[in-house]
């Protein structure tokens, strides 16, 4: 997916999309991770996709405890980026 497509999709789904450059950077970092073969991190990201609303809240709270505040929709956007990146790579995780 190219940058314009990704950002247009984020803007069409979310009322307060994460910053464009941040979304693009994160998306590319996730793509790199999927292509790296770092299966421990890939498994963690795959588990994030499957989290319930309650688990996402617990995750947000744990991030807040170490100084990273995210809105619920921001967590969902990062999960969306993981999902989109997953569809763009070949291999076991597609």
PDB file of N, CA and C in Angstrom:
ATOM      1  N   UNK A   1       0.853  -1.168   0.000  1.00  0.00           N
ATOM      2  CA  UNK A   1       0.000   0.000   0.000  1.00  0.00           C
ATOM      3  C   UNK A   1       0.897   1.229   0.000  1.00  0.00           C
ATOM      4  N   UNK A   2       0.582   2.170  -0.850  1.00  0.00           N
ATOM      5  CA  UNK A   2       1.409   3.377  -0.870  1.00  0.00           C
ATOM      6  C   UNK A   2       0.954   4.359   0.210  1.00  0.00           C
ATOM      7  N   UNK A   3       1.753   5.379   0.421  1.00  0.00           N
ATOM      8  CA  UNK A   3       1.511   6.334   1.501  1.00  0.00           C
ATOM      9  C   UNK A   3       0.158   7.012   1.369  1.00  0.00           C
ATOM     10  N   UNK A   4      -0.169   7.465   0.189  1.00  0.00           N
ATOM     11  CA  UNK A   4      -1.435   8.173  -0.017  1.00  0.00           C
ATOM     12  C   UNK A   4      -2.626   7.275   0.299  1.00  0.00           C
ATOM     13  N   UNK A   5      -2.589   6.033  -0.159  1.00  0.00           N
ATOM     14  CA  UNK A   5      -3.678   5.094   0.109  1.00  0.00           C
ATOM     15  C   UNK A   5      -3.840   4.845   1.603  1.00  0.00           C
ATOM     16  N   UNK A   6      -2.720   4.639   2.269  1.00  0.00           N
ATOM     17  CA  UNK A   6      -2.760   4.365   3.704  1.00  0.00           C
ATOM     18  C   UNK A   6      -3.358   5.542   4.466  1.00  0.00           C
ATOM     19  N   UNK A   7      -2.864   6.730   4.168  1.00  0.00           N
ATOM     20  CA  UNK A   7      -3.329   7.909   4.899  1.00  0.00           C
ATOM     21  C   UNK A   7      -4.786   8.232   4.583  1.00  0.00           C
ATOM     22  N   UNK A   8      -5.189   8.079   3.336  1.00  0.00           N
ATOM     23  CA  UNK A   8      -6.593   8.304   2.985  1.00  0.00           C
ATOM     24  C   UNK A   8      -7.496   7.320   3.717  1.00  0.00           C
ATOM     25  N   UNK A   9      -7.039   6.090   3.837  1.00  0.00           N
ATOM     26  CA  UNK A   9      -7.821   5.081   4.546  1.00  0.00           C
ATOM     27  C   UNK A   9      -7.953   5.446   6.017  1.00  0.00           C
ATOM     28  N   UNK A  10      -6.849   5.809   6.659  1.00  0.00           N
ATOM     29  CA  UNK A  10      -6.901   6.224   8.068  1.00  0.00           C
ATOM     30  C   UNK A  10      -7.845   7.398   8.258  1.00  0.00           C
ATOM     31  N   UNK A  11      -7.742   8.387   7.375  1.00  0.00           N
ATOM     32  CA  UNK A  11      -8.576   9.583   7.500  1.00  0.00           C
ATOM     33  C   UNK A  11     -10.051   9.279   7.251  1.00  0.00           C
ATOM     34  N   UNK A  12     -10.334   8.278   6.445  1.00  0.00           N
ATOM     35  CA  UNK A  12     -11.738   7.949   6.170  1.00  0.00           C
ATOM     36  C   UNK A  12     -12.366   7.115   7.285  1.00  0.00           C
ATOM     37  N   UNK A  13     -11.544   6.430   8.063  1.00  0.00           N
ATOM     38  CA  UNK A  13     -12.064   5.563   9.127  1.00  0.00           C
ATOM     39  C   UNK A  13     -12.131   6.279  10.469  1.00  0.00           C
ATOM     40  N   UNK A  14     -11.107   7.061  10.782  1.00  0.00           N
ATOM     41  CA  UNK A  14     -10.976   7.637  12.123  1.00  0.00           C
ATOM     42  C   UNK A  14     -11.214   9.137  12.128  1.00  0.00           C
ATOM     43  N   UNK A  15     -11.931   9.604  13.163  1.00  0.00           N
ATOM     44  CA  UNK A  15     -12.195  11.035  13.309  1.00  0.00           C
ATOM     45  C   UNK A  15     -10.934  11.817  13.661  1.00  0.00           C
ATOM     46  N   UNK A  16     -10.038  11.197  14.442  1.00  0.00           N
ATOM     47  CA  UNK A  16      -8.782  11.832  14.844  1.00  0.00           C
ATOM     48  C   UNK A  16      -7.625  10.906  14.502  1.00  0.00           C
ATOM     49  N   UNK A  17      -7.271  10.840  13.223  1.00  0.00           N
ATOM     50  CA  UNK A  17      -6.182   9.934  12.841  1.00  0.00           C
ATOM     51  C   UNK A  17      -4.848  10.379  13.444  1.00  0.00           C
ATOM     52  N   UNK A  18      -3.992   9.396  13.692  1.00  0.00           N
ATOM     53  CA  UNK A  18      -2.659   9.733  14.169  1.00  0.00           C
ATOM     54  C   UNK A  18      -1.954  10.549  13.085  1.00  0.00           C
ATOM     55  N   UNK A  19      -0.923  11.265  13.466  1.00  0.00           N
ATOM     56  CA  UNK A  19      -0.226  12.134  12.520  1.00  0.00           C
ATOM     57  C   UNK A  19       0.253  11.334  11.313  1.00  0.00           C
ATOM     58  N   UNK A  20       0.118  11.952  10.143  1.00  0.00           N
ATOM     59  CA  UNK A  20       0.427  11.265   8.890  1.00  0.00           C
ATOM     60  C   UNK A  20       1.828  10.674   8.863  1.00  0.00           C
ATOM     61  N   UNK A  21       2.822  11.467   9.205  1.00  0.00           N
ATOM     62  CA  UNK A  21       4.202  10.976   9.138  1.00  0.00           C
ATOM     63  C   UNK A  21       4.444   9.858  10.141  1.00  0.00           C
ATOM     64  N   UNK A  22       3.816   9.964  11.301  1.00  0.00           N
ATOM     65  CA  UNK A  22       3.944   8.915  12.301  1.00  0.00           C
ATOM     66  C   UNK A  22       3.297   7.618  11.799  1.00  0.00           C
ATOM     67  N   UNK A  23       2.112   7.722  11.223  1.00  0.00           N
ATOM     68  CA  UNK A  23       1.420   6.541  10.696  1.00  0.00           C
ATOM     69  C   UNK A  23       2.267   5.864   9.617  1.00  0.00           C
ATOM     70  N   UNK A  24       2.828   6.646   8.722  1.00  0.00           N
ATOM     71  CA  UNK A  24       3.627   6.089   7.626  1.00  0.00           C
ATOM     72  C   UNK A  24       4.901   5.433   8.155  1.00  0.00           C
ATOM     73  N   UNK A  25       5.538   6.085   9.132  1.00  0.00           N
ATOM     74  CA  UNK A  25       6.765   5.533   9.728  1.00  0.00           C
ATOM     75  C   UNK A  25       6.472   4.222  10.451  1.00  0.00           C
ATOM     76  N   UNK A  26       5.412   4.213  11.237  1.00  0.00           N
ATOM     77  CA  UNK A  26       5.040   3.003  11.978  1.00  0.00           C
ATOM     78  C   UNK A  26       4.703   1.872  11.015  1.00  0.00           C
ATOM     79  N   UNK A  27       3.930   2.167   9.992  1.00  0.00           N
ATOM     80  CA  UNK A  27       3.566   1.168   8.989  1.00  0.00           C
ATOM     81  C   UNK A  27       4.815   0.548   8.364  1.00  0.00           C
ATOM     82  N   UNK A  28       5.761   1.377   7.979  1.00  0.00           N
ATOM     83  CA  UNK A  28       6.996   0.869   7.365  1.00  0.00           C
ATOM     84  C   UNK A  28       7.850   0.089   8.350  1.00  0.00           C
ATOM     85  N   UNK A  29       7.877   0.529   9.605  1.00  0.00           N
ATOM     86  CA  UNK A  29       8.605  -0.219  10.628  1.00  0.00           C
ATOM     87  C   UNK A  29       7.982  -1.598  10.845  1.00  0.00           C
ATOM     88  N   UNK A  30       6.662  -1.660  10.816  1.00  0.00           N
ATOM     89  CA  UNK A  30       5.990  -2.945  10.973  1.00  0.00           C
ATOM     90  C   UNK A  30       6.281  -3.840   9.780  1.00  0.00           C
ATOM     91  N   UNK A  31       6.245  -3.277   8.581  1.00  0.00           N
ATOM     92  CA  UNK A  31       6.603  -4.054   7.391  1.00  0.00           C
ATOM     93  C   UNK A  31       8.006  -4.624   7.533  1.00  0.00           C
ATOM     94  N   UNK A  32       8.938  -3.778   7.959  1.00  0.00           N
ATOM     95  CA  UNK A  32      10.321  -4.235   8.148  1.00  0.00           C
ATOM     96  C   UNK A  32      10.388  -5.371   9.167  1.00  0.00           C
ATOM     97  N   UNK A  33       9.616  -5.241  10.235  1.00  0.00           N
ATOM     98  CA  UNK A  33       9.592  -6.280  11.264  1.00  0.00           C
ATOM     99  C   UNK A  33       9.086  -7.601  10.702  1.00  0.00           C
ATOM    100  N   UNK A  34       7.994  -7.540   9.937  1.00  0.00           N
ATOM    101  CA  UNK A  34       7.451  -8.765   9.348  1.00  0.00           C
ATOM    102  C   UNK A  34       8.458  -9.408   8.402  1.00  0.00           C
ATOM    103  N   UNK A  35       9.235  -8.605   7.726  1.00  0.00           N
ATOM    104  CA  UNK A  35      10.218  -9.140   6.787  1.00  0.00           C
ATOM    105  C   UNK A  35      11.526  -9.554   7.463  1.00  0.00           C
ATOM    106  N   UNK A  36      11.712  -9.193   8.724  1.00  0.00           N
ATOM    107  CA  UNK A  36      12.978  -9.447   9.420  1.00  0.00           C
ATOM    108  C   UNK A  36      13.127 -10.868   9.939  1.00  0.00           C
ATOM    109  N   UNK A  37      12.008 -11.521  10.164  1.00  0.00           N
ATOM    110  CA  UNK A  37      12.088 -12.850  10.758  1.00  0.00           C
ATOM    111  C   UNK A  37      12.183 -12.831  12.272  1.00  0.00           C
ATOM    112  N   UNK A  38      11.913 -11.684  12.911  1.00  0.00           N
ATOM    113  CA  UNK A  38      11.915 -11.579  14.371  1.00  0.00           C
ATOM    114  C   UNK A  38      10.580 -12.133  14.878  1.00  0.00           C
ATOM    115  N   UNK A  39      10.512 -13.460  14.981  1.00  0.00           N
ATOM    116  CA  UNK A  39       9.238 -14.119  15.250  1.00  0.00           C
ATOM    117  C   UNK A  39       8.678 -13.840  16.640  1.00  0.00           C
ATOM    118  N   UNK A  40       9.511 -13.529  17.589  1.00  0.00           N
ATOM    119  CA  UNK A  40       9.018 -13.188  18.927  1.00  0.00           C
ATOM    120  C   UNK A  40       8.190 -11.909  18.857  1.00  0.00           C
ATOM    121  N   UNK A  41       8.725 -10.899  18.192  1.00  0.00           N
ATOM    122  CA  UNK A  41       8.007  -9.634  18.058  1.00  0.00           C
ATOM    123  C   UNK A  41       6.797  -9.789  17.146  1.00  0.00           C
ATOM    124  N   UNK A  42       6.949 -10.554  16.082  1.00  0.00           N
ATOM    125  CA  UNK A  42       5.826 -10.788  15.166  1.00  0.00           C
ATOM    126  C   UNK A  42       4.681 -11.483  15.906  1.00  0.00           C
ATOM    127  N   UNK A  43       4.992 -12.471  16.713  1.00  0.00           N
ATOM    128  CA  UNK A  43       3.959 -13.153  17.490  1.00  0.00           C
ATOM    129  C   UNK A  43       3.254 -12.183  18.438  1.00  0.00           C
ATOM    130  N   UNK A  44       4.027 -11.291  19.044  1.00  0.00           N
ATOM    131  CA  UNK A  44       3.442 -10.294  19.939  1.00  0.00           C
ATOM    132  C   UNK A  44       2.479  -9.392  19.169  1.00  0.00           C
ATOM    133  N   UNK A  45       2.895  -8.926  17.996  1.00  0.00           N
ATOM    134  CA  UNK A  45       2.027  -8.073  17.182  1.00  0.00           C
ATOM    135  C   UNK A  45       0.767  -8.821  16.747  1.00  0.00           C
ATOM    136  N   UNK A  46       0.922 -10.084  16.399  1.00  0.00           N
ATOM    137  CA  UNK A  46      -0.230 -10.882  15.998  1.00  0.00           C
ATOM    138  C   UNK A  46      -1.201 -11.039  17.167  1.00  0.00           C
ATOM    139  N   UNK A  47      -0.670 -11.191  18.358  1.00  0.00           N
ATOM    140  CA  UNK A  47      -1.531 -11.277  19.544  1.00  0.00           C
ATOM    141  C   UNK A  47      -2.269  -9.956  19.782  1.00  0.00           C
ATOM    142  N   UNK A  48      -1.618  -8.835  19.483  1.00  0.00           N
ATOM    143  CA  UNK A  48      -2.262  -7.529  19.643  1.00  0.00           C
ATOM    144  C   UNK A  48      -3.515  -7.412  18.768  1.00  0.00           C
ATOM    145  N   UNK A  49      -3.462  -7.969  17.587  1.00  0.00           N
ATOM    146  CA  UNK A  49      -4.603  -7.906  16.680  1.00  0.00           C
ATOM    147  C   UNK A  49      -5.821  -8.600  17.296  1.00  0.00           C
ATOM    148  N   UNK A  50      -5.578  -9.619  18.082  1.00  0.00           N
ATOM    149  CA  UNK A  50      -6.648 -10.448  18.639  1.00  0.00           C
ATOM    150  C   UNK A  50      -7.174  -9.957  19.985  1.00  0.00           C
ATOM    151  N   UNK A  51      -6.658  -8.861  20.505  1.00  0.00           N
ATOM    152  CA  UNK A  51      -7.040  -8.419  21.840  1.00  0.00           C
ATOM    153  C   UNK A  51      -8.484  -7.944  21.903  1.00  0.00           C
ATOM    154  N   UNK A  52      -9.086  -8.175  23.056  1.00  0.00           N
ATOM    155  CA  UNK A  52     -10.455  -7.714  23.321  1.00  0.00           C
ATOM    156  C   UNK A  52     -10.409  -6.245  23.752  1.00  0.00           C
ATOM    157  N   UNK A  53     -11.573  -5.658  23.855  1.00  0.00           N
ATOM    158  CA  UNK A  53     -11.670  -4.271  24.305  1.00  0.00           C
ATOM    159  C   UNK A  53     -11.066  -4.115  25.706  1.00  0.00           C
ATOM    160  N   UNK A  54     -11.341  -5.071  26.567  1.00  0.00           N
ATOM    161  CA  UNK A  54     -10.801  -5.048  27.931  1.00  0.00           C
ATOM    162  C   UNK A  54      -9.276  -5.150  27.910  1.00  0.00           C
ATOM    163  N   UNK A  55      -8.749  -6.041  27.089  1.00  0.00           N
ATOM    164  CA  UNK A  55      -7.298  -6.210  26.998  1.00  0.00           C
ATOM    165  C   UNK A  55      -6.629  -4.956  26.438  1.00  0.00           C
ATOM    166  N   UNK A  56      -7.286  -4.304  25.510  1.00  0.00           N
ATOM    167  CA  UNK A  56      -6.729  -3.054  24.962  1.00  0.00           C
ATOM    168  C   UNK A  56      -6.699  -1.967  26.022  1.00  0.00           C
ATOM    169  N   UNK A  57      -7.724  -1.929  26.856  1.00  0.00           N
ATOM    170  CA  UNK A  57      -7.737  -0.971  27.960  1.00  0.00           C
ATOM    171  C   UNK A  57      -6.597  -1.261  28.925  1.00  0.00           C
ATOM    172  N   UNK A  58      -6.383  -2.522  29.252  1.00  0.00           N
ATOM    173  CA  UNK A  58      -5.272  -2.899  30.136  1.00  0.00           C
ATOM    174  C   UNK A  58      -3.934  -2.502  29.508  1.00  0.00           C
ATOM    175  N   UNK A  59      -3.815  -2.699  28.216  1.00  0.00           N
ATOM    176  CA  UNK A  59      -2.597  -2.317  27.499  1.00  0.00           C
ATOM    177  C   UNK A  59      -2.381  -0.805  27.567  1.00  0.00           C
ATOM    178  N   UNK A  60      -3.449  -0.036  27.322  1.00  0.00           N
ATOM    179  CA  UNK A  60      -3.355   1.429  27.408  1.00  0.00           C
ATOM    180  C   UNK A  60      -2.940   1.860  28.807  1.00  0.00           C
ATOM    181  N   UNK A  61      -3.503   1.219  29.817  1.00  0.00           N
ATOM    182  CA  UNK A  61      -3.152   1.563  31.199  1.00  0.00           C
ATOM    183  C   UNK A  61      -1.693   1.254  31.493  1.00  0.00           C
ATOM    184  N   UNK A  62      -1.203   0.134  30.989  1.00  0.00           N
ATOM    185  CA  UNK A  62       0.203  -0.205  31.229  1.00  0.00           C
ATOM    186  C   UNK A  62       1.123   0.784  30.513  1.00  0.00           C
ATOM    187  N   UNK A  63       0.721   1.241  29.327  1.00  0.00           N
ATOM    188  CA  UNK A  63       1.503   2.268  28.634  1.00  0.00           C
ATOM    189  C   UNK A  63       1.472   3.586  29.401  1.00  0.00           C
ATOM    190  N   UNK A  64       0.306   3.933  29.923  1.00  0.00           N
ATOM    191  CA  UNK A  64       0.172   5.185  30.676  1.00  0.00           C
ATOM    192  C   UNK A  64       1.066   5.185  31.915  1.00  0.00           C
ATOM    193  N   UNK A  65       1.203   4.028  32.541  1.00  0.00           N
ATOM    194  CA  UNK A  65       2.049   3.916  33.727  1.00  0.00           C
ATOM    195  C   UNK A  65       3.512   4.235  33.434  1.00  0.00           C
ATOM    196  N   UNK A  66       3.932   4.053  32.184  1.00  0.00           N
ATOM    197  CA  UNK A  66       5.320   4.364  31.830  1.00  0.00           C
ATOM    198  C   UNK A  66       5.416   5.651  31.001  1.00  0.00           C
ATOM    199  N   UNK A  67       4.305   6.420  30.979  1.00  0.00           N
ATOM    200  CA  UNK A  67       4.352   7.746  30.388  1.00  0.00           C
ATOM    201  C   UNK A  67       3.863   7.892  28.957  1.00  0.00           C
ATOM    202  N   UNK A  68       3.249   6.862  28.402  1.00  0.00           N
ATOM    203  CA  UNK A  68       2.743   6.937  27.030  1.00  0.00           C
ATOM    204  C   UNK A  68       1.218   6.902  27.044  1.00  0.00           C
ATOM    205  N   UNK A  69       0.611   8.068  26.838  1.00  0.00           N
ATOM    206  CA  UNK A  69      -0.843   8.171  26.842  1.00  0.00           C
ATOM    207  C   UNK A  69      -1.378   7.990  25.427  1.00  0.00           C
ATOM    208  N   UNK A  70      -2.312   7.061  25.256  1.00  0.00           N
ATOM    209  CA  UNK A  70      -2.968   6.843  23.964  1.00  0.00           C
ATOM    210  C   UNK A  70      -4.475   6.816  24.161  1.00  0.00           C
ATOM    211  N   UNK A  71      -5.185   7.418  23.218  1.00  0.00           N
ATOM    212  CA  UNK A  71      -6.642   7.299  23.203  1.00  0.00           C
ATOM    213  C   UNK A  71      -7.002   5.891  22.719  1.00  0.00           C
ATOM    214  N   UNK A  72      -8.204   5.424  23.049  1.00  0.00           N
ATOM    215  CA  UNK A  72      -8.618   4.102  22.547  1.00  0.00           C
ATOM    216  C   UNK A  72      -8.534   3.995  21.025  1.00  0.00           C
ATOM    217  N   UNK A  73      -8.919   5.060  20.330  1.00  0.00           N
ATOM    218  CA  UNK A  73      -8.863   4.993  18.860  1.00  0.00           C
ATOM    219  C   UNK A  73      -7.428   4.991  18.342  1.00  0.00           C
ATOM    220  N   UNK A  74      -6.487   5.538  19.108  1.00  0.00           N
ATOM    221  CA  UNK A  74      -5.084   5.477  18.686  1.00  0.00           C
ATOM    222  C   UNK A  74      -4.568   4.043  18.756  1.00  0.00           C
ATOM    223  N   UNK A  75      -4.926   3.340  19.823  1.00  0.00           N
ATOM    224  CA  UNK A  75      -4.545   1.928  19.922  1.00  0.00           C
ATOM    225  C   UNK A  75      -5.129   1.173  18.735  1.00  0.00           C
ATOM    226  N   UNK A  76      -6.390   1.434  18.439  1.00  0.00           N
ATOM    227  CA  UNK A  76      -7.032   0.768  17.305  1.00  0.00           C
ATOM    228  C   UNK A  76      -6.346   1.103  15.983  1.00  0.00           C
ATOM    229  N   UNK A  77      -5.872   2.323  15.826  1.00  0.00           N
ATOM    230  CA  UNK A  77      -5.173   2.702  14.599  1.00  0.00           C
ATOM    231  C   UNK A  77      -3.845   1.965  14.460  1.00  0.00           C
ATOM    232  N   UNK A  78      -3.132   1.819  15.554  1.00  0.00           N
ATOM    233  CA  UNK A  78      -1.875   1.072  15.488  1.00  0.00           C
ATOM    234  C   UNK A  78      -2.148  -0.397  15.156  1.00  0.00           C
ATOM    235  N   UNK A  79      -3.209  -0.935  15.717  1.00  0.00           N
ATOM    236  CA  UNK A  79      -3.589  -2.312  15.387  1.00  0.00           C
ATOM    237  C   UNK A  79      -3.998  -2.401  13.919  1.00  0.00           C
ATOM    238  N   UNK A  80      -4.684  -1.397  13.432  1.00  0.00           N
ATOM    239  CA  UNK A  80      -5.030  -1.344  12.014  1.00  0.00           C
ATOM    240  C   UNK A  80      -3.763  -1.363  11.151  1.00  0.00           C
ATOM    241  N   UNK A  81      -2.757  -0.585  11.542  1.00  0.00           N
ATOM    242  CA  UNK A  81      -1.498  -0.546  10.791  1.00  0.00           C
ATOM    243  C   UNK A  81      -0.813  -1.914  10.790  1.00  0.00           C
ATOM    244  N   UNK A  82      -0.863  -2.613  11.914  1.00  0.00           N
ATOM    245  CA  UNK A  82      -0.311  -3.971  11.975  1.00  0.00           C
ATOM    246  C   UNK A  82      -1.045  -4.866  10.984  1.00  0.00           C
ATOM    247  N   UNK A  83      -2.358  -4.766  10.993  1.00  0.00           N
ATOM    248  CA  UNK A  83      -3.174  -5.613  10.125  1.00  0.00           C
ATOM    249  C   UNK A  83      -2.907  -5.336   8.651  1.00  0.00           C
ATOM    250  N   UNK A  84      -2.832  -4.064   8.288  1.00  0.00           N
ATOM    251  CA  UNK A  84      -2.567  -3.709   6.891  1.00  0.00           C
ATOM    252  C   UNK A  84      -1.180  -4.203   6.485  1.00  0.00           C
ATOM    253  N   UNK A  85      -0.186  -3.981   7.336  1.00  0.00           N
ATOM    254  CA  UNK A  85       1.171  -4.430   7.018  1.00  0.00           C
ATOM    255  C   UNK A  85       1.209  -5.943   6.853  1.00  0.00           C
ATOM    256  N   UNK A  86       0.476  -6.644   7.697  1.00  0.00           N
ATOM    257  CA  UNK A  86       0.447  -8.105   7.631  1.00  0.00           C
ATOM    258  C   UNK A  86      -0.050  -8.573   6.263  1.00  0.00           C
ATOM    259  N   UNK A  87      -0.992  -7.848   5.697  1.00  0.00           N
ATOM    260  CA  UNK A  87      -1.532  -8.255   4.398  1.00  0.00           C
ATOM    261  C   UNK A  87      -0.582  -7.956   3.248  1.00  0.00           C
ATOM    262  N   UNK A  88       0.457  -7.187   3.519  1.00  0.00           N
ATOM    263  CA  UNK A  88       1.377  -6.763   2.469  1.00  0.00           C
ATOM    264  C   UNK A  88       2.636  -7.631   2.353  1.00  0.00           C
ATOM    265  N   UNK A  89       2.795  -8.570   3.281  1.00  0.00           N
ATOM    266  CA  UNK A  89       3.991  -9.413   3.258  1.00  0.00           C
ATOM    267  C   UNK A  89       3.608 -10.853   2.959  1.00  0.00           C
ATOM    268  N   UNK A  90       4.540 -11.561   2.402  1.00  0.00           N
ATOM    269  CA  UNK A  90       4.321 -12.969   2.111  1.00  0.00           C
ATOM    270  C   UNK A  90       4.897 -13.792   3.250  1.00  0.00           C
ATOM    271  N   UNK A  91       4.332 -14.953   3.453  1.00  0.00           N
ATOM    272  CA  UNK A  91       4.900 -15.853   4.445  1.00  0.00           C
ATOM    273  C   UNK A  91       3.864 -16.367   5.405  1.00  0.00           C
ATOM    274  N   UNK A  92       4.377 -16.847   6.506  1.00  0.00           N
ATOM    275  CA  UNK A  92       3.564 -17.547   7.500  1.00  0.00           C
ATOM    276  C   UNK A  92       2.454 -16.672   8.079  1.00  0.00           C
ATOM    277  N   UNK A  93       2.661 -15.367   8.170  1.00  0.00           N
ATOM    278  CA  UNK A  93       1.730 -14.495   8.890  1.00  0.00           C
ATOM    279  C   UNK A  93       0.703 -13.834   8.006  1.00  0.00           C
ATOM    280  N   UNK A  94       0.596 -14.233   6.773  1.00  0.00           N
ATOM    281  CA  UNK A  94      -0.401 -13.633   5.882  1.00  0.00           C
ATOM    282  C   UNK A  94      -1.690 -14.405   5.985  1.00  0.00           C
TER     283      UNK A  94
END
